[in-house]
Amino acid sequence: MGRGDLTNGQWARLEPLLPRGIKSGRPPVWTRRQLIDGIRWRTRTGAPCRDVPERYGPWDRVYDLFRRWQRDCTWARIVTQLQAEADAKGLITWDVNIDSTVCRAHQHAAGAAKRGISRRNRPAGSPSSRPTTGSDAPGAACRVAGRNLASRLSQIRA
């Protein structure tokens, strides 16, 4: 077990929350615990996937498990269940922080008309010039939860 790997107590709390495999057949070569430790190592260090140490399994298996669970919101479900358990035991204090900071931009940053530059009118059927981001897509909340999982799992008390 490495320095940042899940302890036995943490694994005992996490294992029942993991999805059950529906495939029968050849037993896996790499345990889920090793692969999850590999995911945690990668998110903790910020290293590329290909640099995951061999003790956690092949880097592509670690990446595949992370992405598969990220796409089907497994990470979000796990974090939600862990938070619900901790809240039921009174281990979470839900403090609300409201930020009333006002940011003002310079008039040139607001898109004011510029002298001497003619802007072409877009046809009515053309798409918006505003680029779409990944957070606009459906399921964006579960992608965010997947990124923060390593930090939340490290805070679990055995």
C-alpha atoms as a PDB file:
ATOM      1  CA  MET A   1       0.000   0.000   0.000  1.00  0.00           C
ATOM      2  CA  GLY A   2       1.392   3.376  -1.029  1.00  0.00           C
ATOM      3  CA  ARG A   3       1.409   6.525   1.042  1.00  0.00           C
ATOM      4  CA  GLY A   4      -1.709   8.032  -0.577  1.00  0.00           C
ATOM      5  CA  ASP A   5      -3.636   4.798  -1.122  1.00  0.00           C
ATOM      6  CA  LEU A   6      -6.967   4.019   0.495  1.00  0.00           C
ATOM      7  CA  THR A   7      -6.715   2.540   3.970  1.00  0.00           C
ATOM      8  CA  ASN A   8      -8.631  -0.628   4.820  1.00  0.00           C
ATOM      9  CA  GLY A   9     -11.217   1.417   6.727  1.00  0.00           C
ATOM     10  CA  GLN A  10     -11.736   3.804   3.808  1.00  0.00           C
ATOM     11  CA  TRP A  11     -12.036   0.899   1.391  1.00  0.00           C
ATOM     12  CA  ALA A  12     -14.593  -0.815   3.663  1.00  0.00           C
ATOM     13  CA  ARG A  13     -16.785   2.327   3.478  1.00  0.00           C
ATOM     14  CA  LEU A  14     -16.304   2.830  -0.257  1.00  0.00           C
ATOM     15  CA  GLU A  15     -16.661  -0.728  -1.563  1.00  0.00           C
ATOM     16  CA  PRO A  16     -20.420  -1.133  -0.910  1.00  0.00           C
ATOM     17  CA  LEU A  17     -21.080   2.080  -2.858  1.00  0.00           C
ATOM     18  CA  LEU A  18     -19.381   0.859  -6.029  1.00  0.00           C
ATOM     19  CA  PRO A  19     -21.492  -0.471  -8.903  1.00  0.00           C
ATOM     20  CA  ARG A  20     -21.692  -4.235  -9.219  1.00  0.00           C
ATOM     21  CA  GLY A  21     -20.206  -5.813 -12.319  1.00  0.00           C
ATOM     22  CA  ILE A  22     -22.778  -7.625 -14.443  1.00  0.00           C
ATOM     23  CA  LYS A  23     -20.323  -9.578 -16.552  1.00  0.00           C
ATOM     24  CA  SER A  24     -19.504 -13.147 -15.755  1.00  0.00           C
ATOM     25  CA  GLY A  25     -16.403 -14.812 -17.048  1.00  0.00           C
ATOM     26  CA  ARG A  26     -12.721 -14.288 -16.553  1.00  0.00           C
ATOM     27  CA  PRO A  27     -11.850 -12.738 -13.181  1.00  0.00           C
ATOM     28  CA  PRO A  28     -10.201  -9.318 -13.369  1.00  0.00           C
ATOM     29  CA  VAL A  29      -6.417  -9.161 -13.232  1.00  0.00           C
ATOM     30  CA  TRP A  30      -6.436  -5.793 -11.477  1.00  0.00           C
ATOM     31  CA  THR A  31      -8.686  -5.224  -8.482  1.00  0.00           C
ATOM     32  CA  ARG A  32     -10.972  -2.217  -8.336  1.00  0.00           C
ATOM     33  CA  ARG A  33      -9.092  -1.037  -5.285  1.00  0.00           C
ATOM     34  CA  GLN A  34      -5.848  -0.877  -7.266  1.00  0.00           C
ATOM     35  CA  LEU A  35      -7.525   0.949 -10.148  1.00  0.00           C
ATOM     36  CA  ILE A  36      -9.246   3.443  -7.823  1.00  0.00           C
ATOM     37  CA  ASP A  37      -5.939   4.053  -6.059  1.00  0.00           C
ATOM     38  CA  GLY A  38      -4.469   4.715  -9.517  1.00  0.00           C
ATOM     39  CA  ILE A  39      -7.234   7.222 -10.246  1.00  0.00           C
ATOM     40  CA  ARG A  40      -6.620   8.913  -6.905  1.00  0.00           C
ATOM     41  CA  TRP A  41      -2.849   8.984  -7.561  1.00  0.00           C
ATOM     42  CA  ARG A  42      -3.362  10.598 -10.942  1.00  0.00           C
ATOM     43  CA  THR A  43      -5.782  13.269  -9.696  1.00  0.00           C
ATOM     44  CA  ARG A  44      -3.665  13.970  -6.611  1.00  0.00           C
ATOM     45  CA  THR A  45      -0.413  14.448  -8.543  1.00  0.00           C
ATOM     46  CA  GLY A  46      -1.847  15.971 -11.718  1.00  0.00           C
ATOM     47  CA  ALA A  47       0.423  13.740 -13.796  1.00  0.00           C
ATOM     48  CA  PRO A  48      -0.589  12.487 -17.255  1.00  0.00           C
ATOM     49  CA  CYS A  49      -2.477   9.182 -17.383  1.00  0.00           C
ATOM     50  CA  ARG A  50       0.458   7.411 -18.986  1.00  0.00           C
ATOM     51  CA  ASP A  51       2.589   8.109 -15.904  1.00  0.00           C
ATOM     52  CA  VAL A  52       0.390   6.109 -13.490  1.00  0.00           C
ATOM     53  CA  PRO A  53       2.687   3.641 -11.641  1.00  0.00           C
ATOM     54  CA  GLU A  54       2.466  -0.018 -12.632  1.00  0.00           C
ATOM     55  CA  ARG A  55       1.327  -1.106  -9.161  1.00  0.00           C
ATOM     56  CA  TYR A  56      -2.080   0.446  -9.949  1.00  0.00           C
ATOM     57  CA  GLY A  57      -2.505  -1.447 -13.209  1.00  0.00           C
ATOM     58  CA  PRO A  58      -2.141  -0.428 -16.834  1.00  0.00           C
ATOM     59  CA  TRP A  59      -2.684   3.283 -17.359  1.00  0.00           C
ATOM     60  CA  ASP A  60      -5.380   2.688 -19.989  1.00  0.00           C
ATOM     61  CA  ARG A  61      -7.439   0.541 -17.592  1.00  0.00           C
ATOM     62  CA  VAL A  62      -7.186   3.246 -14.912  1.00  0.00           C
ATOM     63  CA  TYR A  63      -8.236   5.908 -17.421  1.00  0.00           C
ATOM     64  CA  ASP A  64     -11.044   3.750 -18.835  1.00  0.00           C
ATOM     65  CA  LEU A  65     -12.576   3.128 -15.399  1.00  0.00           C
ATOM     66  CA  PHE A  66     -12.367   6.812 -14.491  1.00  0.00           C
ATOM     67  CA  ARG A  67     -13.987   7.971 -17.749  1.00  0.00           C
ATOM     68  CA  ARG A  68     -16.674   5.269 -17.720  1.00  0.00           C
ATOM     69  CA  TRP A  69     -17.739   6.174 -14.194  1.00  0.00           C
ATOM     70  CA  GLN A  70     -17.488   9.860 -14.987  1.00  0.00           C
ATOM     71  CA  ARG A  71     -19.820   9.533 -17.984  1.00  0.00           C
ATOM     72  CA  ASP A  72     -22.482   7.553 -16.139  1.00  0.00           C
ATOM     73  CA  CYS A  73     -22.269   9.803 -13.024  1.00  0.00           C
ATOM     74  CA  THR A  74     -21.040   7.022 -10.736  1.00  0.00           C
ATOM     75  CA  TRP A  75     -18.586   9.411  -9.052  1.00  0.00           C
ATOM     76  CA  ALA A  76     -21.364  11.914  -8.350  1.00  0.00           C
ATOM     77  CA  ARG A  77     -23.561   9.170  -6.883  1.00  0.00           C
ATOM     78  CA  ILE A  78     -20.735   7.947  -4.628  1.00  0.00           C
ATOM     79  CA  VAL A  79     -19.950  11.442  -3.341  1.00  0.00           C
ATOM     80  CA  THR A  80     -23.657  12.138  -2.747  1.00  0.00           C
ATOM     81  CA  GLN A  81     -24.066   8.924  -0.753  1.00  0.00           C
ATOM     82  CA  LEU A  82     -20.931   9.595   1.312  1.00  0.00           C
ATOM     83  CA  GLN A  83     -22.131  13.122   2.051  1.00  0.00           C
ATOM     84  CA  ALA A  84     -25.581  11.831   3.055  1.00  0.00           C
ATOM     85  CA  GLU A  85     -24.027   9.297   5.449  1.00  0.00           C
ATOM     86  CA  ALA A  86     -21.716  11.915   6.961  1.00  0.00           C
ATOM     87  CA  ASP A  87     -24.597  14.391   7.286  1.00  0.00           C
ATOM     88  CA  ALA A  88     -26.775  11.794   9.020  1.00  0.00           C
ATOM     89  CA  LYS A  89     -23.984  11.237  11.568  1.00  0.00           C
ATOM     90  CA  GLY A  90     -23.589  15.001  12.064  1.00  0.00           C
ATOM     91  CA  LEU A  91     -20.062  15.123  10.631  1.00  0.00           C
ATOM     92  CA  ILE A  92     -20.823  17.884   8.111  1.00  0.00           C
ATOM     93  CA  THR A  93     -21.535  21.490   8.972  1.00  0.00           C
ATOM     94  CA  TRP A  94     -23.397  23.104   6.112  1.00  0.00           C
ATOM     95  CA  ASP A  95     -22.254  26.729   6.230  1.00  0.00           C
ATOM     96  CA  VAL A  96     -23.551  29.050   3.548  1.00  0.00           C
ATOM     97  CA  ASN A  97     -21.265  31.748   2.222  1.00  0.00           C
ATOM     98  CA  ILE A  98     -22.729  34.494   0.055  1.00  0.00           C
ATOM     99  CA  ASP A  99     -20.283  36.650  -1.834  1.00  0.00           C
ATOM    100  CA  SER A 100     -21.546  40.097  -2.769  1.00  0.00           C
ATOM    101  CA  THR A 101     -18.420  41.230  -4.586  1.00  0.00           C
ATOM    102  CA  VAL A 102     -19.053  43.549  -7.512  1.00  0.00           C
ATOM    103  CA  CYS A 103     -16.727  43.448 -10.494  1.00  0.00           C
ATOM    104  CA  ARG A 104     -16.734  46.302 -12.942  1.00  0.00           C
ATOM    105  CA  ALA A 105     -15.191  46.125 -16.379  1.00  0.00           C
ATOM    106  CA  HIS A 106     -13.729  48.936 -18.425  1.00  0.00           C
ATOM    107  CA  GLN A 107     -16.032  50.263 -21.119  1.00  0.00           C
ATOM    108  CA  HIS A 108     -13.876  48.707 -23.833  1.00  0.00           C
ATOM    109  CA  ALA A 109     -14.338  45.285 -22.293  1.00  0.00           C
ATOM    110  CA  ALA A 110     -18.118  45.567 -22.424  1.00  0.00           C
ATOM    111  CA  GLY A 111     -18.356  45.239 -26.194  1.00  0.00           C
ATOM    112  CA  ALA A 112     -18.956  48.915 -26.937  1.00  0.00           C
ATOM    113  CA  ALA A 113     -18.986  49.948 -30.572  1.00  0.00           C
ATOM    114  CA  LYS A 114     -15.545  50.726 -31.924  1.00  0.00           C
ATOM    115  CA  ARG A 115     -14.911  53.687 -34.195  1.00  0.00           C
ATOM    116  CA  GLY A 116     -13.790  53.021 -37.715  1.00  0.00           C
ATOM    117  CA  ILE A 117     -14.436  49.283 -37.607  1.00  0.00           C
ATOM    118  CA  SER A 118     -17.482  48.046 -39.397  1.00  0.00           C
ATOM    119  CA  ARG A 119     -19.107  44.892 -38.090  1.00  0.00           C
ATOM    120  CA  ARG A 120     -20.912  42.675 -40.518  1.00  0.00           C
ATOM    121  CA  ASN A 121     -24.422  41.676 -39.691  1.00  0.00           C
ATOM    122  CA  ARG A 122     -24.875  37.972 -39.217  1.00  0.00           C
ATOM    123  CA  PRO A 123     -27.709  36.245 -41.055  1.00  0.00           C
ATOM    124  CA  ALA A 124     -30.703  35.416 -38.862  1.00  0.00           C
ATOM    125  CA  GLY A 125     -30.141  31.661 -39.081  1.00  0.00           C
ATOM    126  CA  SER A 126     -26.448  31.673 -38.144  1.00  0.00           C
ATOM    127  CA  PRO A 127     -25.335  30.189 -34.841  1.00  0.00           C
ATOM    128  CA  SER A 128     -24.381  32.374 -31.943  1.00  0.00           C
ATOM    129  CA  SER A 129     -20.809  33.618 -31.818  1.00  0.00           C
ATOM    130  CA  ARG A 130     -20.631  32.581 -28.168  1.00  0.00           C
ATOM    131  CA  PRO A 131     -18.656  29.352 -27.868  1.00  0.00           C
ATOM    132  CA  THR A 132     -20.275  26.547 -25.950  1.00  0.00           C
ATOM    133  CA  THR A 133     -18.379  25.072 -23.065  1.00  0.00           C
ATOM    134  CA  GLY A 134     -18.413  21.652 -21.461  1.00  0.00           C
ATOM    135  CA  SER A 135     -20.366  23.060 -18.509  1.00  0.00           C
ATOM    136  CA  ASP A 136     -23.307  23.862 -20.825  1.00  0.00           C
ATOM    137  CA  ALA A 137     -23.732  20.209 -21.725  1.00  0.00           C
ATOM    138  CA  PRO A 138     -26.152  17.927 -19.881  1.00  0.00           C
ATOM    139  CA  GLY A 139     -24.563  15.981 -17.063  1.00  0.00           C
ATOM    140  CA  ALA A 140     -21.962  18.661 -16.326  1.00  0.00           C
ATOM    141  CA  ALA A 141     -22.558  18.356 -12.576  1.00  0.00           C
ATOM    142  CA  CYS A 142     -21.417  14.758 -12.484  1.00  0.00           C
ATOM    143  CA  ARG A 143     -18.250  15.653 -14.414  1.00  0.00           C
ATOM    144  CA  VAL A 144     -17.362  18.243 -11.782  1.00  0.00           C
ATOM    145  CA  ALA A 145     -17.947  15.732  -8.986  1.00  0.00           C
ATOM    146  CA  GLY A 146     -15.582  13.280 -10.671  1.00  0.00           C
ATOM    147  CA  ARG A 147     -12.768  15.792 -10.644  1.00  0.00           C
ATOM    148  CA  ASN A 148     -13.147  16.500  -6.946  1.00  0.00           C
ATOM    149  CA  LEU A 149     -13.458  12.883  -5.859  1.00  0.00           C
ATOM    150  CA  ALA A 150      -9.816  12.364  -4.932  1.00  0.00           C
ATOM    151  CA  SER A 151      -9.803  15.276  -2.528  1.00  0.00           C
ATOM    152  CA  ARG A 152     -13.101  14.186  -0.972  1.00  0.00           C
ATOM    153  CA  LEU A 153     -12.089  10.542  -0.636  1.00  0.00           C
ATOM    154  CA  SER A 154      -8.889  11.542   1.135  1.00  0.00           C
ATOM    155  CA  GLN A 155     -11.007  13.340   3.762  1.00  0.00           C
ATOM    156  CA  ILE A 156     -13.038  10.243   4.622  1.00  0.00           C
ATOM    157  CA  ARG A 157     -12.358   9.070   8.117  1.00  0.00           C
ATOM    158  CA  ALA A 158     -12.079   5.337   8.647  1.00  0.00           C
END
